[in-house]
């Protein structure tokens, strides 16, 4: 079962995490996980520029290392950077020490590119209780209230778009992905999503 909208009960339990940020002006917080990659990240940032949209990119450290020029382009376009571990690790399947070291490796990679970031999003949205205290010493944990499921290759682009629109509200923090699996859905859904909400008077901001 797909949960496009994070239940309010979950948001209350983990109230120290950022889930959404309602504003006086209708605002959407676009976030992109897993990049940067040559296949998709340039398409995304060029599209965002057409709508004067800003976003937060939760980057995988090893992808920054492999594609520093694309990472720099993200920064030059005025977008925000967050930490998504160095190797896209699953906290439920990784030793605590290794996981924390992987966050540090990503932080170092980000800083080597001249950027400071205190935002962290756990890959897969998975995080164990015994990690939260250590992570929040240096980072703010950012989750979401809308998940586009663009990475699900069994989901049609039309359904990806329609469900993303359906569950988005003022202050919503939505997750898209700049990874290969998401290409088909992103190329269809993202431009139409931006157009739809722009016509409704929404602005797109970084966190």
Foldseek 3Di string as FASTA:
>chain_A
DDDQFDDVVVCVVPVLAAAFDFDPFQAEAEEAEEDDDPVFLVVVLVLCVVLVAEYEYAYAQCRCVVCVVSVVVNVVSPHHYHHAFNPLDAQVPDDLVVRVVRSVSSQVSQVVSVDHAQEYEYRVNHDDPVNVVVSNVRHRYYDFRGELVLLDLVDALVSSQVRRVVPDGRGGYYYDYDDPSNVRNCVRRVSVNSVVVVVVRYHHYYD
